[in-house]
Amino acid sequence: MHEVLKKYHTVPLNAADGKEAVEIFNEKPIDLIFMDEQMPGMDGSEAIRLIRKTEKGKNIPIYSLTGVSDQEAVNKIKEAGATDILLKPIKNEVLQEIILKYNQ
């Protein structure tokens, strides 16, 4: 994902887990988030929930990446505040469309 995002002239920041993702969000200027749902420790939904509680996190687009499509998982992600859910594997065209949408 990191290499694909670089092709679209973005500066991707990687986090090893949800806790680190929240820390990076709080420390750096971020325009768009792609959050993996399945991470060690704090999962993507909890990280999204914490980001949404902050003032700068209220309106930032957050796309949750997951390989699980059952209704319970989808509900958990939506309730956390994800802008949308992208099912893996994610097509490059979908990433490009999202990046271009917010890079105007």
C-alpha atoms as a PDB file:
ATOM      1  CA  MET A   1       0.000   0.000   0.000  1.00  0.00           C
ATOM      2  CA  HIS A   2       2.842   2.364   0.877  1.00  0.00           C
ATOM      3  CA  GLU A   3       4.416   1.964  -2.569  1.00  0.00           C
ATOM      4  CA  VAL A   4       1.088   2.354  -4.355  1.00  0.00           C
ATOM      5  CA  LEU A   5       0.306   5.572  -2.483  1.00  0.00           C
ATOM      6  CA  LYS A   6       3.705   7.038  -3.371  1.00  0.00           C
ATOM      7  CA  LYS A   7       2.814   6.656  -7.048  1.00  0.00           C
ATOM      8  CA  TYR A   8       0.053   9.208  -6.507  1.00  0.00           C
ATOM      9  CA  HIS A   9       2.496  11.814  -5.154  1.00  0.00           C
ATOM     10  CA  THR A  10       1.411  11.385  -1.561  1.00  0.00           C
ATOM     11  CA  VAL A  11       3.601  11.191   1.520  1.00  0.00           C
ATOM     12  CA  PRO A  12       2.336   8.039   3.250  1.00  0.00           C
ATOM     13  CA  LEU A  13       2.981   7.562   6.948  1.00  0.00           C
ATOM     14  CA  ASN A  14       2.912   4.029   8.329  1.00  0.00           C
ATOM     15  CA  ALA A  15       1.890   2.851  11.774  1.00  0.00           C
ATOM     16  CA  ALA A  16       2.584  -0.589  13.233  1.00  0.00           C
ATOM     17  CA  ASP A  17      -0.659  -0.585  15.240  1.00  0.00           C
ATOM     18  CA  GLY A  18      -3.668   1.527  16.118  1.00  0.00           C
ATOM     19  CA  LYS A  19      -1.967   3.245  19.060  1.00  0.00           C
ATOM     20  CA  GLU A  20       0.868   4.421  16.847  1.00  0.00           C
ATOM     21  CA  ALA A  21      -1.638   5.549  14.181  1.00  0.00           C
ATOM     22  CA  VAL A  22      -3.376   7.795  16.723  1.00  0.00           C
ATOM     23  CA  GLU A  23      -0.026   9.168  17.918  1.00  0.00           C
ATOM     24  CA  ILE A  24       1.053   9.972  14.343  1.00  0.00           C
ATOM     25  CA  PHE A  25      -2.313  11.615  13.673  1.00  0.00           C
ATOM     26  CA  ASN A  26      -1.925  13.805  16.770  1.00  0.00           C
ATOM     27  CA  GLU A  27       1.645  14.825  15.874  1.00  0.00           C
ATOM     28  CA  LYS A  28       1.576  15.336  12.089  1.00  0.00           C
ATOM     29  CA  PRO A  29      -0.592  17.172   9.588  1.00  0.00           C
ATOM     30  CA  ILE A  30      -2.782  14.501   7.965  1.00  0.00           C
ATOM     31  CA  ASP A  31      -5.207  14.990   5.063  1.00  0.00           C
ATOM     32  CA  LEU A  32      -6.513  11.472   4.476  1.00  0.00           C
ATOM     33  CA  ILE A  33      -6.355   8.205   6.417  1.00  0.00           C
ATOM     34  CA  PHE A  34      -6.379   4.610   5.217  1.00  0.00           C
ATOM     35  CA  MET A  35      -6.753   2.548   8.404  1.00  0.00           C
ATOM     36  CA  ASP A  36      -6.305  -1.209   8.482  1.00  0.00           C
ATOM     37  CA  GLU A  37      -8.937  -2.816  10.702  1.00  0.00           C
ATOM     38  CA  GLN A  38      -6.868  -5.830  11.781  1.00  0.00           C
ATOM     39  CA  MET A  39      -3.827  -4.554  13.680  1.00  0.00           C
ATOM     40  CA  PRO A  40      -2.078  -5.844  16.789  1.00  0.00           C
ATOM     41  CA  GLY A  41      -3.079  -4.231  20.063  1.00  0.00           C
ATOM     42  CA  MET A  42      -5.545  -1.471  19.262  1.00  0.00           C
ATOM     43  CA  ASP A  43      -7.583  -2.309  16.160  1.00  0.00           C
ATOM     44  CA  GLY A  44      -8.538   0.131  13.416  1.00  0.00           C
ATOM     45  CA  SER A  45     -12.043   0.781  14.767  1.00  0.00           C
ATOM     46  CA  GLU A  46     -10.742   1.875  18.152  1.00  0.00           C
ATOM     47  CA  ALA A  47      -8.105   4.090  16.497  1.00  0.00           C
ATOM     48  CA  ILE A  48     -10.797   5.684  14.318  1.00  0.00           C
ATOM     49  CA  ARG A  49     -12.957   6.265  17.382  1.00  0.00           C
ATOM     50  CA  LEU A  50     -10.095   8.048  19.179  1.00  0.00           C
ATOM     51  CA  ILE A  51      -9.243  10.144  16.121  1.00  0.00           C
ATOM     52  CA  ARG A  52     -12.894  11.185  15.697  1.00  0.00           C
ATOM     53  CA  LYS A  53     -12.951  12.436  19.315  1.00  0.00           C
ATOM     54  CA  THR A  54     -10.352  15.102  18.483  1.00  0.00           C
ATOM     55  CA  GLU A  55     -11.217  18.454  16.934  1.00  0.00           C
ATOM     56  CA  LYS A  56      -9.028  17.936  13.862  1.00  0.00           C
ATOM     57  CA  GLY A  57     -10.295  14.372  13.495  1.00  0.00           C
ATOM     58  CA  LYS A  58     -13.988  15.217  13.202  1.00  0.00           C
ATOM     59  CA  ASN A  59     -14.001  15.825   9.457  1.00  0.00           C
ATOM     60  CA  ILE A  60     -10.925  14.012   8.146  1.00  0.00           C
ATOM     61  CA  PRO A  61     -11.724  11.278   5.611  1.00  0.00           C
ATOM     62  CA  ILE A  62     -10.935   7.853   7.090  1.00  0.00           C
ATOM     63  CA  TYR A  63     -11.178   4.746   4.928  1.00  0.00           C
ATOM     64  CA  SER A  64     -11.135   1.460   6.801  1.00  0.00           C
ATOM     65  CA  LEU A  65      -9.349  -1.413   5.055  1.00  0.00           C
ATOM     66  CA  THR A  66     -10.566  -4.883   5.891  1.00  0.00           C
ATOM     67  CA  GLY A  67     -10.804  -8.388   4.555  1.00  0.00           C
ATOM     68  CA  VAL A  68     -13.884  -9.119   6.674  1.00  0.00           C
ATOM     69  CA  SER A  69     -17.276  -8.282   5.226  1.00  0.00           C
ATOM     70  CA  ASP A  70     -19.715  -9.796   7.742  1.00  0.00           C
ATOM     71  CA  GLN A  71     -22.376  -7.392   9.000  1.00  0.00           C
ATOM     72  CA  GLU A  72     -21.062  -7.302  12.567  1.00  0.00           C
ATOM     73  CA  ALA A  73     -17.600  -6.195  11.408  1.00  0.00           C
ATOM     74  CA  VAL A  74     -19.073  -3.627   9.027  1.00  0.00           C
ATOM     75  CA  ASN A  75     -21.290  -2.201  11.797  1.00  0.00           C
ATOM     76  CA  LYS A  76     -18.327  -1.935  14.171  1.00  0.00           C
ATOM     77  CA  ILE A  77     -16.303   0.016  11.608  1.00  0.00           C
ATOM     78  CA  LYS A  78     -19.191   2.329  10.675  1.00  0.00           C
ATOM     79  CA  GLU A  79     -20.040   3.006  14.321  1.00  0.00           C
ATOM     80  CA  ALA A  80     -16.406   3.985  14.913  1.00  0.00           C
ATOM     81  CA  GLY A  81     -16.816   6.754  12.340  1.00  0.00           C
ATOM     82  CA  ALA A  82     -15.158   5.494   9.163  1.00  0.00           C
ATOM     83  CA  THR A  83     -15.967   7.513   6.054  1.00  0.00           C
ATOM     84  CA  ASP A  84     -16.193   4.279   4.093  1.00  0.00           C
ATOM     85  CA  ILE A  85     -14.999   0.676   4.098  1.00  0.00           C
ATOM     86  CA  LEU A  86     -12.693  -0.762   1.442  1.00  0.00           C
ATOM     87  CA  LEU A  87     -12.607  -4.538   1.148  1.00  0.00           C
ATOM     88  CA  LYS A  88      -9.229  -6.130   0.463  1.00  0.00           C
ATOM     89  CA  PRO A  89      -7.725  -6.603  -2.039  1.00  0.00           C
ATOM     90  CA  ILE A  90      -8.095  -2.939  -2.943  1.00  0.00           C
ATOM     91  CA  LYS A  91      -7.808  -1.956  -6.580  1.00  0.00           C
ATOM     92  CA  ASN A  92      -5.350   0.783  -7.496  1.00  0.00           C
ATOM     93  CA  GLU A  93      -8.113   2.601  -9.382  1.00  0.00           C
ATOM     94  CA  VAL A  94     -10.157   2.872  -6.194  1.00  0.00           C
ATOM     95  CA  LEU A  95      -7.205   4.353  -4.288  1.00  0.00           C
ATOM     96  CA  GLN A  96      -6.533   6.794  -7.113  1.00  0.00           C
ATOM     97  CA  GLU A  97     -10.163   7.934  -7.153  1.00  0.00           C
ATOM     98  CA  ILE A  98     -10.153   8.543  -3.397  1.00  0.00           C
ATOM     99  CA  ILE A  99      -6.811  10.367  -3.433  1.00  0.00           C
ATOM    100  CA  LEU A 100      -7.872  12.603  -6.320  1.00  0.00           C
ATOM    101  CA  LYS A 101     -11.161  13.369  -4.589  1.00  0.00           C
ATOM    102  CA  TYR A 102      -9.379  14.838  -1.557  1.00  0.00           C
ATOM    103  CA  ASN A 103      -6.318  16.250  -3.327  1.00  0.00           C
ATOM    104  CA  GLN A 104      -8.042  19.264  -4.850  1.00  0.00           C
END
